N, C-alpha and C. Protein backbone atom coordinates (compact mmCIF):
# COMPACT_ATOMS: atom_id res chain seq x y z
N LYS A 1 -21.40 -26.82 -24.90
CA LYS A 1 -20.28 -26.71 -24.11
C LYS A 1 -18.96 -26.61 -24.66
N LYS A 2 -18.00 -25.64 -24.06
CA LYS A 2 -16.77 -25.25 -24.90
C LYS A 2 -15.65 -26.33 -24.37
N ASP A 3 -14.60 -26.73 -25.14
CA ASP A 3 -13.58 -27.54 -24.84
C ASP A 3 -12.52 -26.70 -24.50
N TYR A 4 -12.02 -26.68 -23.27
CA TYR A 4 -10.77 -26.02 -22.95
C TYR A 4 -9.60 -26.80 -22.78
N SER A 5 -9.57 -28.11 -23.25
CA SER A 5 -8.46 -28.93 -22.99
C SER A 5 -7.26 -28.58 -23.76
N TYR A 6 -7.26 -27.74 -24.71
CA TYR A 6 -6.13 -27.34 -25.48
C TYR A 6 -5.19 -26.48 -24.48
N ASN A 7 -5.61 -25.86 -23.37
CA ASN A 7 -4.83 -25.12 -22.50
C ASN A 7 -4.11 -26.08 -21.42
N VAL A 8 -4.30 -27.31 -21.33
CA VAL A 8 -3.78 -28.26 -20.31
C VAL A 8 -2.89 -29.13 -21.04
N PRO A 9 -1.50 -28.89 -20.99
CA PRO A 9 -0.57 -29.97 -21.78
C PRO A 9 -0.50 -31.18 -20.63
N SER A 10 -0.10 -32.27 -21.32
CA SER A 10 -0.04 -33.40 -20.41
C SER A 10 1.52 -33.52 -19.76
N ASP A 11 2.55 -33.04 -20.48
CA ASP A 11 3.91 -33.12 -19.86
C ASP A 11 4.62 -31.89 -20.47
N ASP A 12 5.92 -31.80 -20.14
CA ASP A 12 6.78 -30.60 -20.53
C ASP A 12 7.11 -30.52 -21.90
N GLN A 13 6.99 -31.65 -22.69
CA GLN A 13 7.40 -31.69 -24.01
C GLN A 13 6.22 -31.21 -24.93
N ASN A 14 5.08 -31.39 -24.39
CA ASN A 14 3.90 -31.16 -25.34
C ASN A 14 3.71 -29.59 -25.37
N PRO A 15 3.35 -29.21 -26.77
CA PRO A 15 3.08 -27.81 -26.91
C PRO A 15 2.00 -27.07 -26.06
N VAL A 16 2.11 -25.84 -25.70
CA VAL A 16 1.00 -25.23 -25.05
C VAL A 16 0.25 -24.15 -26.05
N ALA A 17 -0.82 -24.37 -26.40
CA ALA A 17 -1.46 -23.45 -27.25
C ALA A 17 -1.63 -22.13 -26.72
N LEU A 18 -1.51 -21.03 -27.52
CA LEU A 18 -1.63 -19.65 -27.14
C LEU A 18 -3.23 -19.24 -27.53
N ARG A 19 -3.68 -19.78 -28.51
CA ARG A 19 -4.97 -19.54 -28.91
C ARG A 19 -5.75 -20.78 -29.08
N PRO A 20 -7.02 -20.81 -29.37
CA PRO A 20 -7.74 -22.01 -29.73
C PRO A 20 -6.98 -22.64 -30.91
N PRO A 21 -7.28 -24.16 -30.91
CA PRO A 21 -6.53 -24.82 -32.05
C PRO A 21 -7.10 -24.32 -33.38
N SER A 22 -8.22 -23.89 -33.60
CA SER A 22 -8.74 -23.55 -34.96
C SER A 22 -7.99 -22.50 -35.51
N SER A 23 -7.60 -21.46 -34.72
CA SER A 23 -6.93 -20.22 -35.23
C SER A 23 -5.37 -20.17 -34.84
N SER A 24 -4.91 -21.23 -34.27
CA SER A 24 -3.66 -21.20 -33.73
C SER A 24 -2.53 -21.75 -34.82
N SER A 25 -1.50 -20.80 -34.98
CA SER A 25 -0.38 -21.33 -35.76
C SER A 25 0.97 -21.13 -35.05
N SER A 26 0.85 -20.77 -33.73
CA SER A 26 2.04 -20.60 -32.90
C SER A 26 1.96 -21.37 -31.58
N TYR A 27 2.85 -22.37 -31.29
CA TYR A 27 2.83 -23.21 -30.15
C TYR A 27 4.10 -22.98 -29.48
N LEU A 28 4.10 -23.14 -27.99
CA LEU A 28 5.43 -23.04 -27.27
C LEU A 28 5.37 -24.20 -26.39
N THR A 29 6.52 -24.74 -26.07
CA THR A 29 6.87 -25.76 -25.28
C THR A 29 6.57 -25.35 -23.82
N ARG A 30 6.31 -26.13 -22.96
CA ARG A 30 6.21 -25.90 -21.60
C ARG A 30 7.48 -25.08 -20.95
N ASP A 31 8.64 -25.42 -21.40
CA ASP A 31 9.89 -24.86 -20.99
C ASP A 31 9.94 -23.48 -21.50
N GLN A 32 9.55 -23.18 -22.80
CA GLN A 32 9.52 -21.89 -23.33
C GLN A 32 8.45 -20.74 -22.65
N GLU A 33 7.43 -21.49 -22.36
CA GLU A 33 6.36 -20.66 -21.58
C GLU A 33 6.93 -20.25 -20.31
N HIS A 34 7.60 -21.14 -19.58
CA HIS A 34 8.18 -21.02 -18.24
C HIS A 34 9.21 -19.84 -18.34
N GLN A 35 10.07 -20.02 -19.47
CA GLN A 35 11.10 -19.02 -19.51
C GLN A 35 10.56 -17.62 -19.66
N ILE A 36 9.49 -17.56 -20.48
CA ILE A 36 8.83 -16.27 -20.93
C ILE A 36 8.26 -15.57 -19.49
N MET A 37 7.68 -16.42 -18.61
CA MET A 37 7.04 -16.06 -17.46
C MET A 37 8.06 -15.54 -16.47
N VAL A 38 9.17 -16.26 -16.49
CA VAL A 38 10.32 -15.84 -15.57
C VAL A 38 10.84 -14.40 -16.03
N SER A 39 11.19 -14.45 -17.33
CA SER A 39 11.53 -13.02 -17.82
C SER A 39 10.68 -12.02 -17.67
N ALA A 40 9.46 -12.04 -17.80
CA ALA A 40 8.44 -10.98 -17.50
C ALA A 40 8.48 -10.68 -16.06
N LEU A 41 8.63 -11.70 -15.13
CA LEU A 41 8.76 -11.30 -13.64
C LEU A 41 10.03 -10.67 -13.27
N ARG A 42 11.07 -11.13 -13.95
CA ARG A 42 12.39 -10.47 -13.87
C ARG A 42 12.29 -8.91 -14.48
N GLN A 43 11.55 -8.67 -15.31
CA GLN A 43 11.41 -7.32 -16.01
C GLN A 43 10.57 -6.37 -14.71
N VAL A 44 9.63 -6.91 -14.38
CA VAL A 44 8.91 -6.28 -13.38
C VAL A 44 9.62 -5.97 -12.17
N ILE A 45 10.41 -6.92 -11.66
CA ILE A 45 10.97 -6.84 -10.37
C ILE A 45 12.30 -5.87 -10.53
N SER A 46 12.99 -5.81 -11.63
CA SER A 46 14.09 -5.15 -11.76
C SER A 46 13.71 -3.85 -12.60
N ASN A 47 12.56 -3.46 -12.81
CA ASN A 47 12.04 -2.42 -13.61
C ASN A 47 12.84 -2.16 -14.99
N VAL A 48 13.05 -3.31 -15.49
CA VAL A 48 13.64 -3.13 -17.05
C VAL A 48 12.45 -3.08 -17.84
N GLY A 49 12.94 -1.97 -18.93
CA GLY A 49 11.73 -1.81 -20.02
C GLY A 49 11.66 -2.97 -20.88
N SER A 50 10.86 -2.91 -21.73
CA SER A 50 10.54 -3.90 -22.90
C SER A 50 11.32 -3.81 -24.02
N ASP A 51 12.32 -3.02 -23.97
CA ASP A 51 13.30 -2.65 -25.17
C ASP A 51 14.08 -3.87 -25.47
N THR A 52 14.30 -4.62 -24.69
CA THR A 52 15.23 -5.80 -24.72
C THR A 52 14.61 -7.02 -25.40
N SER A 53 13.40 -6.91 -25.84
CA SER A 53 12.62 -8.01 -26.43
C SER A 53 13.09 -8.37 -27.83
N SER A 54 12.99 -9.50 -28.30
CA SER A 54 13.25 -9.95 -29.59
C SER A 54 12.16 -9.37 -30.49
N PRO A 55 12.42 -9.55 -31.75
CA PRO A 55 11.32 -8.99 -32.67
C PRO A 55 9.99 -9.81 -32.74
N ASN A 56 10.03 -11.00 -32.25
CA ASN A 56 8.75 -11.69 -32.13
C ASN A 56 8.04 -11.48 -30.76
N GLY A 57 8.61 -10.61 -29.88
CA GLY A 57 7.99 -10.18 -28.72
C GLY A 57 8.22 -11.22 -27.45
N ILE A 58 9.15 -12.19 -27.72
CA ILE A 58 9.71 -13.25 -26.78
C ILE A 58 10.99 -12.64 -26.20
N THR A 59 11.04 -12.63 -24.90
CA THR A 59 12.40 -12.29 -24.25
C THR A 59 12.84 -13.32 -23.61
N SER A 60 14.10 -13.63 -23.77
CA SER A 60 14.67 -15.00 -23.16
C SER A 60 15.11 -14.43 -21.67
N GLY A 61 15.24 -15.32 -20.70
CA GLY A 61 15.58 -15.00 -19.45
C GLY A 61 17.13 -14.60 -19.39
N ALA A 62 17.92 -14.99 -20.32
CA ALA A 62 19.30 -14.91 -20.11
C ALA A 62 19.58 -13.30 -20.61
N ASP A 63 18.74 -12.70 -21.32
CA ASP A 63 18.85 -11.23 -21.83
C ASP A 63 18.56 -10.37 -20.54
N LEU A 64 17.98 -10.68 -19.48
CA LEU A 64 17.80 -9.95 -18.38
C LEU A 64 18.36 -10.26 -17.06
N PRO A 65 19.67 -10.06 -16.80
CA PRO A 65 20.28 -10.56 -15.70
C PRO A 65 19.79 -9.62 -14.50
N LEU A 66 19.40 -10.32 -13.39
CA LEU A 66 19.22 -9.52 -12.12
C LEU A 66 20.24 -8.74 -11.67
N PRO A 67 20.07 -7.60 -11.13
CA PRO A 67 21.11 -6.94 -10.43
C PRO A 67 21.62 -7.69 -9.16
N ASP A 68 22.87 -7.79 -9.15
CA ASP A 68 23.57 -8.56 -7.89
C ASP A 68 23.55 -7.67 -6.65
N ALA A 69 22.65 -7.55 -5.94
CA ALA A 69 22.81 -6.60 -4.65
C ALA A 69 23.34 -7.26 -3.42
N GLY A 70 23.72 -8.43 -3.49
CA GLY A 70 24.29 -9.15 -2.41
C GLY A 70 23.15 -9.62 -1.44
N PRO A 71 23.65 -10.09 -0.34
CA PRO A 71 22.50 -10.70 0.70
C PRO A 71 21.64 -9.39 1.09
N CYS A 72 20.53 -9.73 1.56
CA CYS A 72 19.57 -8.89 1.98
C CYS A 72 19.95 -8.57 3.59
N PRO A 73 19.95 -7.18 3.79
CA PRO A 73 20.42 -6.85 5.13
C PRO A 73 19.43 -7.26 6.12
N LEU A 74 18.28 -7.53 5.80
CA LEU A 74 17.29 -8.10 6.83
C LEU A 74 17.21 -9.43 7.06
N CYS A 75 17.29 -10.22 5.99
CA CYS A 75 17.14 -11.83 6.24
C CYS A 75 18.39 -12.55 5.78
N GLY A 76 19.39 -11.73 5.10
CA GLY A 76 20.67 -12.45 4.71
C GLY A 76 20.51 -13.26 3.50
N ILE A 77 19.39 -13.45 2.71
CA ILE A 77 19.37 -14.23 1.63
C ILE A 77 19.66 -13.40 0.34
N THR A 78 20.61 -14.00 -0.51
CA THR A 78 21.14 -13.24 -1.78
C THR A 78 19.90 -13.19 -2.82
N GLY A 79 19.79 -12.26 -3.33
CA GLY A 79 18.73 -11.90 -4.28
C GLY A 79 17.23 -11.85 -3.70
N CYS A 80 17.15 -11.54 -2.37
CA CYS A 80 15.79 -11.49 -1.93
C CYS A 80 15.19 -10.11 -2.12
N TYR A 81 13.95 -10.18 -2.62
CA TYR A 81 13.18 -8.85 -2.96
C TYR A 81 12.00 -8.63 -2.07
N GLY A 82 11.78 -9.69 -1.25
CA GLY A 82 10.46 -9.55 -0.41
C GLY A 82 10.72 -8.65 0.72
N CYS A 83 11.88 -8.56 1.30
CA CYS A 83 12.12 -7.79 2.51
C CYS A 83 11.97 -6.40 2.15
N ALA A 84 12.69 -5.96 0.94
CA ALA A 84 12.71 -4.63 0.59
C ALA A 84 11.15 -4.18 0.32
N PHE A 85 10.39 -4.78 -0.30
CA PHE A 85 9.11 -4.60 -0.48
C PHE A 85 8.40 -4.47 0.63
N GLN A 86 8.54 -5.45 1.79
CA GLN A 86 7.76 -5.41 2.89
C GLN A 86 8.18 -4.09 3.69
N GLN A 87 9.55 -3.89 3.70
CA GLN A 87 9.74 -2.65 4.45
C GLN A 87 9.14 -1.37 3.97
N ARG A 88 9.10 -1.36 2.66
CA ARG A 88 8.47 -0.04 2.19
C ARG A 88 6.91 -0.04 2.46
N ASP A 89 6.24 -1.01 2.38
CA ASP A 89 4.89 -1.16 2.94
C ASP A 89 4.77 -0.59 4.54
N GLU A 90 5.82 -1.29 5.39
CA GLU A 90 5.86 -0.78 6.73
C GLU A 90 6.08 0.91 6.86
N GLU A 91 6.95 1.29 5.84
CA GLU A 91 7.25 2.84 6.02
C GLU A 91 5.97 3.60 5.63
N ILE A 92 5.27 3.13 4.61
CA ILE A 92 3.86 3.74 4.29
C ILE A 92 2.91 3.61 5.57
N LYS A 93 2.99 2.49 6.23
CA LYS A 93 1.93 2.55 7.30
C LYS A 93 2.39 3.19 8.49
N LYS A 94 3.75 3.54 8.77
CA LYS A 94 4.28 4.12 9.77
C LYS A 94 3.86 5.58 10.03
N GLU A 95 3.38 6.09 8.88
CA GLU A 95 2.94 7.53 8.79
C GLU A 95 2.07 7.87 10.09
N LYS A 96 2.60 8.79 10.95
CA LYS A 96 1.81 9.12 12.27
C LYS A 96 0.31 9.30 12.08
N LYS A 97 -0.49 8.76 12.92
CA LYS A 97 -1.93 9.02 12.70
C LYS A 97 -2.32 9.86 14.12
N HIS A 98 -2.96 10.75 13.66
CA HIS A 98 -3.49 11.80 14.91
C HIS A 98 -4.90 11.72 15.07
N LYS A 99 -5.44 11.72 16.08
CA LYS A 99 -6.90 11.57 16.28
C LYS A 99 -7.56 12.77 15.80
N GLY A 100 -8.64 12.69 14.84
CA GLY A 100 -9.27 13.88 14.31
C GLY A 100 -8.40 14.50 13.16
N VAL A 101 -7.31 14.03 12.80
CA VAL A 101 -6.60 14.49 11.61
C VAL A 101 -6.50 13.64 10.50
N ARG A 102 -6.88 14.09 9.22
CA ARG A 102 -6.73 13.15 7.96
C ARG A 102 -6.06 13.86 6.90
N LYS A 103 -5.34 13.10 6.34
CA LYS A 103 -4.59 13.67 4.99
C LYS A 103 -5.63 13.41 3.91
N LYS A 104 -5.78 14.73 2.95
CA LYS A 104 -6.69 14.94 1.96
C LYS A 104 -5.88 14.46 0.66
N PRO A 105 -6.70 14.15 -0.25
CA PRO A 105 -5.93 13.90 -1.55
C PRO A 105 -5.08 15.02 -2.16
N SER A 106 -5.48 16.05 -1.71
CA SER A 106 -4.54 17.27 -2.15
C SER A 106 -3.23 17.54 -1.55
N GLY A 107 -3.08 16.66 -0.53
CA GLY A 107 -1.78 16.79 0.32
C GLY A 107 -1.94 17.53 1.56
N LYS A 108 -2.89 18.38 1.47
CA LYS A 108 -3.23 19.16 2.81
C LYS A 108 -3.91 18.32 3.90
N TRP A 109 -4.00 18.73 5.11
CA TRP A 109 -4.40 18.01 6.25
C TRP A 109 -5.71 18.84 6.77
N SER A 110 -6.70 17.92 7.15
CA SER A 110 -7.94 18.30 7.65
C SER A 110 -8.13 18.06 9.25
N ALA A 111 -8.73 18.72 9.87
CA ALA A 111 -9.10 18.40 11.30
C ALA A 111 -10.54 18.60 11.66
N GLU A 112 -10.88 17.56 12.58
CA GLU A 112 -12.26 17.82 12.91
C GLU A 112 -12.32 17.15 14.54
N ILE A 113 -13.28 17.54 15.25
CA ILE A 113 -13.48 16.97 16.54
C ILE A 113 -14.85 16.62 16.91
N TRP A 114 -15.06 15.68 17.78
CA TRP A 114 -16.35 15.39 18.15
C TRP A 114 -16.81 16.27 19.28
N ASP A 115 -17.83 17.07 19.02
CA ASP A 115 -18.40 17.99 20.23
C ASP A 115 -19.40 17.16 20.90
N PRO A 116 -18.99 17.05 22.29
CA PRO A 116 -19.79 16.01 23.08
C PRO A 116 -21.07 16.82 23.57
N SER A 117 -21.13 18.19 23.56
CA SER A 117 -22.39 18.79 23.95
C SER A 117 -23.43 18.76 22.94
N SER A 118 -23.09 19.02 21.78
CA SER A 118 -23.98 19.03 20.64
C SER A 118 -24.21 17.80 19.80
N LYS A 119 -23.27 16.79 20.24
CA LYS A 119 -23.20 15.50 19.76
C LYS A 119 -23.12 15.54 18.15
N VAL A 120 -22.14 16.26 17.80
CA VAL A 120 -21.85 16.48 16.18
C VAL A 120 -20.37 16.50 16.04
N ARG A 121 -19.93 16.17 14.84
CA ARG A 121 -18.42 16.55 14.61
C ARG A 121 -18.38 18.08 14.21
N ARG A 122 -17.41 18.49 14.79
CA ARG A 122 -17.07 20.04 14.45
C ARG A 122 -15.89 20.06 13.65
N TRP A 123 -16.12 20.81 12.29
CA TRP A 123 -15.06 20.97 11.36
C TRP A 123 -14.01 22.04 11.98
N LEU A 124 -12.90 21.70 12.04
CA LEU A 124 -11.75 22.67 12.48
C LEU A 124 -11.01 23.29 11.31
N GLY A 125 -11.09 22.76 10.14
CA GLY A 125 -10.42 23.49 8.92
C GLY A 125 -9.43 22.60 8.22
N VAL A 126 -8.79 23.10 7.08
CA VAL A 126 -7.79 22.55 6.39
C VAL A 126 -6.54 23.35 6.64
N PHE A 127 -5.45 22.48 6.80
CA PHE A 127 -4.20 23.14 7.26
C PHE A 127 -3.06 22.35 6.23
N PRO A 128 -2.01 23.32 6.07
CA PRO A 128 -0.77 22.82 5.14
C PRO A 128 0.07 21.73 5.73
N THR A 129 -0.11 21.62 7.19
CA THR A 129 0.90 20.65 7.69
C THR A 129 0.00 19.76 8.86
N ALA A 130 0.54 18.51 8.98
CA ALA A 130 -0.20 17.83 10.06
C ALA A 130 -0.14 18.40 11.40
N GLU A 131 0.96 18.99 11.65
CA GLU A 131 1.32 19.65 12.96
C GLU A 131 0.30 20.74 13.21
N MET A 132 0.09 21.62 12.30
CA MET A 132 -1.04 22.68 12.55
C MET A 132 -2.29 22.06 12.73
N ALA A 133 -2.77 21.04 12.04
CA ALA A 133 -3.98 20.42 12.10
C ALA A 133 -4.13 19.72 13.62
N VAL A 134 -3.02 19.10 13.96
CA VAL A 134 -2.95 18.57 15.40
C VAL A 134 -3.14 19.72 16.43
N ARG A 135 -2.46 20.83 16.15
CA ARG A 135 -2.47 21.87 17.34
C ARG A 135 -3.97 22.38 17.18
N ALA A 136 -4.59 22.61 16.12
CA ALA A 136 -5.98 23.03 16.22
C ALA A 136 -7.00 21.94 16.92
N TYR A 137 -6.86 20.65 16.66
CA TYR A 137 -7.40 19.48 17.35
C TYR A 137 -7.23 19.71 18.92
N ASP A 138 -5.91 19.95 19.24
CA ASP A 138 -5.69 20.03 20.68
C ASP A 138 -6.36 21.19 21.33
N GLU A 139 -6.22 22.22 20.69
CA GLU A 139 -6.80 23.49 21.23
C GLU A 139 -8.44 23.42 21.37
N ALA A 140 -9.10 22.75 20.41
CA ALA A 140 -10.37 22.54 20.51
C ALA A 140 -10.75 21.53 21.64
N ALA A 141 -9.90 20.52 21.72
CA ALA A 141 -10.06 19.58 22.80
C ALA A 141 -9.96 20.15 24.17
N ALA A 142 -9.14 20.96 24.34
CA ALA A 142 -8.83 21.80 25.55
C ALA A 142 -10.05 22.75 25.84
N GLU A 143 -10.49 23.25 24.78
CA GLU A 143 -11.73 24.16 25.00
C GLU A 143 -12.93 23.43 25.51
N PHE A 144 -12.97 22.03 24.98
CA PHE A 144 -14.20 21.21 25.48
C PHE A 144 -14.03 20.71 26.99
N ILE A 145 -12.76 20.50 27.20
CA ILE A 145 -12.49 20.08 28.50
C ILE A 145 -12.76 21.19 29.51
N GLU A 146 -12.40 22.42 29.18
CA GLU A 146 -12.63 23.37 30.03
C GLU A 146 -14.12 23.68 30.14
N ARG A 147 -14.91 23.55 29.15
CA ARG A 147 -16.29 23.80 29.11
C ARG A 147 -17.05 22.77 30.12
N ILE A 148 -16.53 21.60 29.96
CA ILE A 148 -17.14 20.34 30.65
C ILE A 148 -16.74 20.54 32.16
N SER A 149 -15.54 20.87 32.32
CA SER A 149 -14.95 20.99 33.90
C SER A 149 -15.65 22.18 34.58
N ALA A 150 -15.96 23.21 33.84
CA ALA A 150 -16.75 24.21 34.35
C ALA A 150 -18.13 23.94 34.70
N ARG A 151 -18.82 23.04 33.98
CA ARG A 151 -20.14 22.64 34.23
C ARG A 151 -20.22 21.67 35.65
N ARG A 152 -19.00 21.05 35.71
CA ARG A 152 -18.90 20.16 36.77
C ARG A 152 -18.27 20.65 38.13
N GLY A 153 -18.00 22.02 38.04
CA GLY A 153 -17.52 22.76 39.08
C GLY A 153 -16.06 22.80 39.30
N GLN A 154 -15.26 22.24 38.28
CA GLN A 154 -13.75 22.30 38.27
C GLN A 154 -13.36 23.65 37.72
N MET A 155 -12.75 24.46 38.30
CA MET A 155 -12.07 25.74 37.58
C MET A 155 -10.58 25.79 37.92
N ASN A 156 -9.86 26.05 36.94
CA ASN A 156 -8.50 26.18 37.01
C ASN A 156 -7.75 25.27 37.81
N GLY A 157 -8.00 23.96 37.60
CA GLY A 157 -7.28 22.78 38.15
C GLY A 157 -7.72 22.57 39.50
N HIS A 158 -8.62 23.43 40.20
CA HIS A 158 -9.18 22.89 41.60
C HIS A 158 -10.07 21.70 41.53
N GLY A 159 -10.08 20.97 42.63
CA GLY A 159 -10.75 19.72 42.69
C GLY A 159 -12.45 19.89 42.38
N ILE A 160 -12.86 18.89 42.46
CA ILE A 160 -14.38 18.84 42.23
C ILE A 160 -14.91 19.32 43.55
N LYS A 161 -15.93 20.21 43.48
CA LYS A 161 -16.49 20.66 44.59
C LYS A 161 -17.74 19.75 44.88
N ARG A 162 -17.71 19.19 46.14
CA ARG A 162 -18.70 18.15 46.46
C ARG A 162 -20.02 18.72 47.07
N ARG A 163 -21.07 18.26 46.73
CA ARG A 163 -22.39 18.78 47.49
C ARG A 163 -22.47 18.13 48.75
N ARG A 164 -23.00 18.94 49.72
CA ARG A 164 -23.04 18.45 51.08
C ARG A 164 -24.52 17.76 51.01
N ARG A 165 -24.53 16.70 51.80
CA ARG A 165 -25.85 15.75 51.82
C ARG A 165 -26.53 16.43 53.00
């Protein structure tokens, strides 16, 4: 059974091992470790490259000031990053969804429709824009509606012909 107790310090002043004690020559205090993690998060959030790190690879939090963007327009909190990321996610999800139309990895749009008479999906093609794919879907749907209404006795918008008993 392996002993992992070297990873768990008892308080803030005890050093935290980066490697197992047998091969370790470099220890950090809890505060230094915290400072490194905060610095790394700041780099990620502010898209700052790693060129500001010191020769030993440790970057202090003071080296990377966060950009002062003022209060968030959505929540009013100064330095808020959550709302901006949430808004971006909502913009991605807001992309209009059309029945039978999908965006392909190539950036083009494909369209297909369920054919109720043959009970299969009918491929309508690949189109450069979503609007063209939607138009193809709508035309195919109108064709199916005409075919179904003709079978039921509805022609050109006239009512259903009822059978006499």
